[in-house]
Amino acid sequence: METICLLSIIVSPAIEDTIVDWLLDREEIPGFTSAPIYGHGSSIHSLSTQEQVSGRKKQVLFQIHMPSADADTVLQTLKREFQGSGMHYWILPVSDAGHLE
């Protein structure tokens, strides 16, 4: 049985369109979800003055549920092609997924 995972990626809104295009071009990604989010935390060096005052940083979250082997491949390529972008990611196991029809 194939192991499925959820790959979550957080990026700056400045590279959102680039990431959308990149994900759409990947054959191993059948689809994905994206949403505007806010990041909160104590890492002042990564926040602008305005973000420090508001206590939040605008970000974009992408989520893809896919076979774990494909997620590993996608992640390695992201690391190579978007090094230095400040992208944050995590991978979680998915115990079940499907469509209700």
C-alpha atoms as a PDB file:
ATOM      1  CA  MET A   1       0.000   0.000   0.000  1.00  0.00           C
ATOM      2  CA  GLU A   2       1.312   3.418  -0.990  1.00  0.00           C
ATOM      3  CA  THR A   3       2.191   5.812   1.844  1.00  0.00           C
ATOM      4  CA  ILE A   4       0.470   9.189   1.514  1.00  0.00           C
ATOM      5  CA  CYS A   5       1.613  12.417   3.152  1.00  0.00           C
ATOM      6  CA  LEU A   6       0.648  16.060   3.383  1.00  0.00           C
ATOM      7  CA  LEU A   7       3.358  18.445   2.206  1.00  0.00           C
ATOM      8  CA  SER A   8       2.830  21.961   3.569  1.00  0.00           C
ATOM      9  CA  ILE A   9       4.871  24.876   2.254  1.00  0.00           C
ATOM     10  CA  ILE A  10       4.835  28.460   3.529  1.00  0.00           C
ATOM     11  CA  VAL A  11       6.230  31.216   1.304  1.00  0.00           C
ATOM     12  CA  SER A  12       6.349  34.978   1.079  1.00  0.00           C
ATOM     13  CA  PRO A  13       3.554  36.558  -0.990  1.00  0.00           C
ATOM     14  CA  ALA A  14       6.338  37.975  -3.202  1.00  0.00           C
ATOM     15  CA  ILE A  15       6.970  34.508  -4.686  1.00  0.00           C
ATOM     16  CA  GLU A  16       3.390  33.163  -4.567  1.00  0.00           C
ATOM     17  CA  ASP A  17       2.810  33.343  -8.339  1.00  0.00           C
ATOM     18  CA  THR A  18       6.195  31.762  -9.042  1.00  0.00           C
ATOM     19  CA  ILE A  19       5.374  28.861  -6.697  1.00  0.00           C
ATOM     20  CA  VAL A  20       1.888  28.424  -8.208  1.00  0.00           C
ATOM     21  CA  ASP A  21       3.406  28.179 -11.697  1.00  0.00           C
ATOM     22  CA  TRP A  22       6.135  25.830 -10.442  1.00  0.00           C
ATOM     23  CA  LEU A  23       3.639  23.502  -8.745  1.00  0.00           C
ATOM     24  CA  LEU A  24       1.336  23.483 -11.800  1.00  0.00           C
ATOM     25  CA  ASP A  25       4.268  22.427 -13.984  1.00  0.00           C
ATOM     26  CA  ARG A  26       5.087  19.370 -11.822  1.00  0.00           C
ATOM     27  CA  GLU A  27       3.683  16.110 -13.241  1.00  0.00           C
ATOM     28  CA  GLU A  28       3.761  14.415  -9.822  1.00  0.00           C
ATOM     29  CA  ILE A  29       1.447  17.080  -8.327  1.00  0.00           C
ATOM     30  CA  PRO A  30      -2.157  16.425  -9.393  1.00  0.00           C
ATOM     31  CA  GLY A  31      -3.445  19.486  -7.537  1.00  0.00           C
ATOM     32  CA  PHE A  32      -2.880  21.602  -4.458  1.00  0.00           C
ATOM     33  CA  THR A  33      -4.530  24.070  -2.109  1.00  0.00           C
ATOM     34  CA  SER A  34      -3.310  27.559  -1.296  1.00  0.00           C
ATOM     35  CA  ALA A  35      -4.418  30.115   1.269  1.00  0.00           C
ATOM     36  CA  PRO A  36      -3.249  33.475   2.583  1.00  0.00           C
ATOM     37  CA  ILE A  37      -2.114  33.168   6.205  1.00  0.00           C
ATOM     38  CA  TYR A  38      -0.318  35.163   8.888  1.00  0.00           C
ATOM     39  CA  GLY A  39       2.808  33.987  10.662  1.00  0.00           C
ATOM     40  CA  HIS A  40       3.321  34.922  14.310  1.00  0.00           C
ATOM     41  CA  GLY A  41       6.429  34.471  16.369  1.00  0.00           C
ATOM     42  CA  SER A  42       9.340  35.923  18.219  1.00  0.00           C
ATOM     43  CA  SER A  43      11.838  35.898  15.344  1.00  0.00           C
ATOM     44  CA  ILE A  44      12.207  39.685  15.050  1.00  0.00           C
ATOM     45  CA  HIS A  45      15.043  39.492  12.475  1.00  0.00           C
ATOM     46  CA  SER A  46      12.625  38.130   9.865  1.00  0.00           C
ATOM     47  CA  LEU A  47       9.953  40.818  10.428  1.00  0.00           C
ATOM     48  CA  SER A  48       9.758  44.305   8.947  1.00  0.00           C
ATOM     49  CA  THR A  49       9.123  47.216  11.335  1.00  0.00           C
ATOM     50  CA  GLN A  50       5.428  47.231  10.351  1.00  0.00           C
ATOM     51  CA  GLU A  51       5.190  43.473  10.947  1.00  0.00           C
ATOM     52  CA  GLN A  52       6.866  43.875  14.341  1.00  0.00           C
ATOM     53  CA  VAL A  53       4.243  46.475  15.318  1.00  0.00           C
ATOM     54  CA  SER A  54       1.305  44.368  14.089  1.00  0.00           C
ATOM     55  CA  GLY A  55       2.783  41.129  15.458  1.00  0.00           C
ATOM     56  CA  ARG A  56       2.182  39.195  12.248  1.00  0.00           C
ATOM     57  CA  LYS A  57       3.699  38.518   8.858  1.00  0.00           C
ATOM     58  CA  LYS A  58       1.721  37.864   5.673  1.00  0.00           C
ATOM     59  CA  GLN A  59       2.509  34.473   4.161  1.00  0.00           C
ATOM     60  CA  VAL A  60       0.992  31.985   1.693  1.00  0.00           C
ATOM     61  CA  LEU A  61       0.363  28.343   2.617  1.00  0.00           C
ATOM     62  CA  PHE A  62       0.390  25.594  -0.015  1.00  0.00           C
ATOM     63  CA  GLN A  63      -0.751  22.078   0.852  1.00  0.00           C
ATOM     64  CA  ILE A  64      -0.434  18.977  -1.292  1.00  0.00           C
ATOM     65  CA  HIS A  65      -1.430  15.450  -0.353  1.00  0.00           C
ATOM     66  CA  MET A  66       0.586  13.018  -2.375  1.00  0.00           C
ATOM     67  CA  PRO A  67       2.645   9.817  -2.240  1.00  0.00           C
ATOM     68  CA  SER A  68       5.529  10.197   0.218  1.00  0.00           C
ATOM     69  CA  ALA A  69       8.139   9.281  -2.419  1.00  0.00           C
ATOM     70  CA  ASP A  70       6.874  12.068  -4.683  1.00  0.00           C
ATOM     71  CA  ALA A  71       6.889  14.535  -1.785  1.00  0.00           C
ATOM     72  CA  ASP A  72      10.540  13.725  -1.131  1.00  0.00           C
ATOM     73  CA  THR A  73      11.389  14.381  -4.784  1.00  0.00           C
ATOM     74  CA  VAL A  74       9.410  17.646  -4.834  1.00  0.00           C
ATOM     75  CA  LEU A  75      11.022  18.795  -1.601  1.00  0.00           C
ATOM     76  CA  GLN A  76      14.562  18.101  -2.832  1.00  0.00           C
ATOM     77  CA  THR A  77      13.851  20.071  -6.013  1.00  0.00           C
ATOM     78  CA  LEU A  78      12.324  22.957  -4.035  1.00  0.00           C
ATOM     79  CA  LYS A  79      15.406  23.077  -1.817  1.00  0.00           C
ATOM     80  CA  ARG A  80      17.636  23.273  -4.874  1.00  0.00           C
ATOM     81  CA  GLU A  81      15.591  25.769  -6.901  1.00  0.00           C
ATOM     82  CA  PHE A  82      14.376  28.059  -4.101  1.00  0.00           C
ATOM     83  CA  GLN A  83      17.384  28.094  -1.785  1.00  0.00           C
ATOM     84  CA  GLY A  84      17.501  31.347   0.178  1.00  0.00           C
ATOM     85  CA  SER A  85      13.793  32.106  -0.338  1.00  0.00           C
ATOM     86  CA  GLY A  86      12.898  31.700   3.334  1.00  0.00           C
ATOM     87  CA  MET A  87      10.454  28.932   2.430  1.00  0.00           C
ATOM     88  CA  HIS A  88       9.258  26.846   5.404  1.00  0.00           C
ATOM     89  CA  TYR A  89       7.880  23.315   5.015  1.00  0.00           C
ATOM     90  CA  TRP A  90       6.751  20.220   6.852  1.00  0.00           C
ATOM     91  CA  ILE A  91       5.532  16.767   5.906  1.00  0.00           C
ATOM     92  CA  LEU A  92       2.892  14.841   7.866  1.00  0.00           C
ATOM     93  CA  PRO A  93       1.598  11.307   7.329  1.00  0.00           C
ATOM     94  CA  VAL A  94      -1.997  11.009   6.079  1.00  0.00           C
ATOM     95  CA  SER A  95      -3.922   8.053   7.446  1.00  0.00           C
ATOM     96  CA  ASP A  96      -6.797   8.381   4.968  1.00  0.00           C
ATOM     97  CA  ALA A  97      -7.887  10.609   2.103  1.00  0.00           C
ATOM     98  CA  GLY A  98     -10.440  10.458  -0.667  1.00  0.00           C
ATOM     99  CA  HIS A  99     -13.490  11.982  -2.301  1.00  0.00           C
ATOM    100  CA  LEU A 100     -17.082  11.537  -1.170  1.00  0.00           C
ATOM    101  CA  GLU A 101     -19.337  11.080  -4.163  1.00  0.00           C
END
